[in-house]
Protein backbone atom coordinates (compact mmCIF):
# COMPACT_ATOMS: atom_id res chain seq x y z
CA MET A 1 -34.02 -21.07 80.01
CA THR A 2 -35.80 -18.85 82.33
CA GLN A 3 -37.50 -20.17 85.39
CA GLU A 4 -39.12 -18.86 88.48
CA ASN A 5 -37.78 -20.88 91.39
CA SER A 6 -39.06 -19.68 94.80
CA SER A 7 -38.88 -16.06 93.60
CA VAL A 8 -35.44 -16.42 92.12
CA ALA A 9 -35.28 -15.94 88.36
CA THR A 10 -32.80 -18.22 86.73
CA VAL A 11 -31.34 -18.09 83.21
CA LEU A 12 -29.39 -20.83 81.32
CA THR A 13 -27.69 -19.98 78.04
CA TYR A 14 -25.02 -21.61 75.89
CA ASP A 15 -22.04 -20.33 74.09
CA ASP A 16 -21.63 -21.40 70.47
CA SER A 17 -18.39 -23.31 71.43
CA VAL A 18 -20.35 -25.59 73.72
CA LEU A 19 -22.58 -26.69 70.77
CA THR A 20 -19.68 -27.05 68.39
CA LYS A 21 -17.89 -29.31 70.86
CA ILE A 22 -21.08 -31.49 71.45
CA ALA A 23 -21.61 -31.72 67.71
CA GLY A 24 -18.00 -32.48 66.77
CA ASN A 25 -17.56 -35.29 69.38
CA THR A 26 -21.01 -36.74 68.43
CA VAL A 27 -20.44 -36.83 64.69
CA ARG A 28 -16.88 -38.20 64.92
CA ASP A 29 -18.31 -41.37 66.63
CA VAL A 30 -20.69 -42.04 63.65
CA ASP A 31 -19.73 -45.04 61.57
CA GLY A 32 -18.79 -43.75 58.07
CA VAL A 33 -17.47 -40.40 59.21
CA LEU A 34 -13.66 -40.18 58.94
CA SER A 35 -13.26 -36.54 59.99
CA LEU A 36 -14.82 -33.15 60.08
CA GLU A 37 -12.76 -30.60 58.13
CA GLY A 38 -12.50 -26.82 58.88
CA ASN A 39 -11.18 -24.02 56.85
CA LEU A 40 -7.51 -23.36 56.17
CA ILE A 41 -6.96 -21.55 59.53
CA ASP A 42 -8.48 -24.49 61.39
CA SER A 43 -6.18 -27.01 59.57
CA VAL A 44 -3.08 -24.95 60.33
CA THR A 45 -4.11 -24.61 63.97
CA ASP A 46 -4.69 -28.41 64.24
CA ARG A 47 -1.22 -29.08 62.85
CA PHE A 48 0.40 -27.25 65.74
CA SER A 49 -1.65 -28.97 68.48
CA ASP A 50 -1.28 -32.47 69.80
CA GLU A 51 -5.10 -33.29 69.38
CA THR A 52 -7.82 -32.55 66.93
CA ASP A 53 -10.18 -29.84 68.13
CA PRO A 54 -13.65 -31.28 68.29
CA SER A 55 -15.22 -28.13 67.04
CA THR A 56 -13.26 -27.99 63.85
CA GLY A 57 -15.48 -28.03 60.87
CA VAL A 58 -18.61 -27.28 62.86
CA LYS A 59 -20.58 -24.06 62.41
CA VAL A 60 -23.37 -23.10 64.81
CA ASP A 61 -26.27 -20.59 64.52
CA LEU A 62 -27.48 -20.53 68.08
CA ASP A 63 -30.75 -18.71 69.30
CA ASN A 64 -30.73 -18.87 73.03
CA ASP A 65 -34.03 -16.99 73.25
CA ASP A 66 -36.02 -19.41 71.12
CA LYS A 67 -33.95 -22.45 72.33
CA GLU A 68 -33.09 -23.51 68.77
CA VAL A 69 -29.79 -24.37 67.06
CA LYS A 70 -28.80 -24.74 63.45
CA LEU A 71 -25.70 -26.72 62.66
CA ALA A 72 -23.53 -26.97 59.47
CA MET A 73 -20.46 -29.26 59.04
CA ASP A 74 -17.88 -30.14 56.44
CA ALA A 75 -17.14 -33.89 56.48
CA VAL A 76 -14.78 -36.42 54.92
CA LEU A 77 -16.78 -39.65 54.74
CA GLU A 78 -15.76 -43.18 54.17
CA TYR A 79 -15.73 -44.36 50.61
CA GLY A 80 -18.08 -47.35 50.02
CA LYS A 81 -20.58 -46.33 52.66
CA CYS A 82 -24.01 -45.12 51.62
CA ILE A 83 -23.85 -41.41 51.99
CA PRO A 84 -27.60 -40.82 52.73
CA THR A 85 -27.42 -43.54 55.43
CA VAL A 86 -24.43 -41.94 57.11
CA PHE A 87 -26.19 -38.61 56.89
CA ASN A 88 -29.32 -40.05 58.54
CA LYS A 89 -27.20 -41.55 61.30
CA ILE A 90 -25.52 -38.21 61.85
CA THR A 91 -28.71 -36.17 62.13
CA THR A 92 -30.47 -38.76 64.35
CA LYS A 93 -27.49 -38.99 66.78
CA LEU A 94 -26.95 -35.18 66.80
CA THR A 95 -30.63 -34.43 67.43
CA GLN A 96 -30.74 -37.04 70.28
CA THR A 97 -27.49 -35.89 71.93
CA ILE A 98 -28.18 -32.13 71.75
CA THR A 99 -31.64 -32.64 73.06
CA GLU A 100 -30.43 -34.85 75.88
CA MET A 101 -27.48 -32.58 76.91
CA THR A 102 -29.23 -29.25 76.51
CA ASP A 103 -32.66 -27.71 76.41
CA LEU A 104 -32.20 -26.75 72.76
CA LYS A 105 -33.93 -28.00 69.71
CA PRO A 106 -31.95 -28.62 66.55
CA THR A 107 -33.97 -27.09 63.68
CA GLU A 108 -31.46 -27.54 60.83
CA ILE A 109 -28.45 -29.81 60.21
CA LYS A 110 -26.43 -29.45 57.10
CA ILE A 111 -23.52 -31.68 56.01
CA HIS A 112 -21.29 -30.73 53.19
CA VAL A 113 -19.30 -33.81 52.05
CA LYS A 114 -15.78 -32.44 51.22
CA ASP A 115 -14.18 -35.78 50.36
CA LEU A 116 -14.63 -39.59 50.28
CA GLN A 117 -11.67 -41.73 51.24
CA THR A 118 -11.08 -45.29 52.12
CA ARG A 119 -9.87 -45.95 55.69
CA ASP A 120 -6.44 -46.82 54.29
CA GLU A 121 -6.31 -43.58 52.26
CA PHE A 122 -7.34 -41.55 55.31
CA ARG A 123 -4.88 -43.33 57.61
CA LYS A 124 -1.95 -42.84 55.09
CA LYS A 125 -2.79 -39.23 54.57
CA ASN A 126 -2.84 -38.51 58.35
CA GLN A 127 0.34 -40.48 58.89
CA LYS A 128 2.09 -38.27 56.29
CA LYS A 129 0.86 -35.11 58.03
CA ASP A 130 2.09 -36.51 61.43
CA LYS A 131 5.57 -37.43 60.08
CA GLY A 132 5.87 -34.04 58.40
CA GLU A 133 4.94 -32.29 61.62
CA LYS A 134 7.40 -34.17 63.76
CA LYS A 135 10.34 -33.28 61.41
CA LYS A 136 9.64 -29.56 62.10
């Protein structure tokens, strides 16, 4: 964002990591989304940290000049939920949050559903991971 403000030129740009953090935190709060999944390196990194990185599983193509952003995510969704409805909630919430927090316009949002799990399956799978990590 370039502005003339009493003869002072100002420029506002964003790092990709800012958008991945906004997107990751926003999507994780949508009903029907169990998690965002990254690649193998992201998974290994998460196992050695205490908290899940909000940017895991989020890819950003940011154009600071045109003030546009494209987002792509890999997600595990809740079994039994209507996938197109969850997708619509994700895209609506992401568009609203990014627009409110930045001066960027989302022009594309892609969600790749990597898995469907019930809440119990998801909880059990993550408890096993936690127990295995604590033993190390």
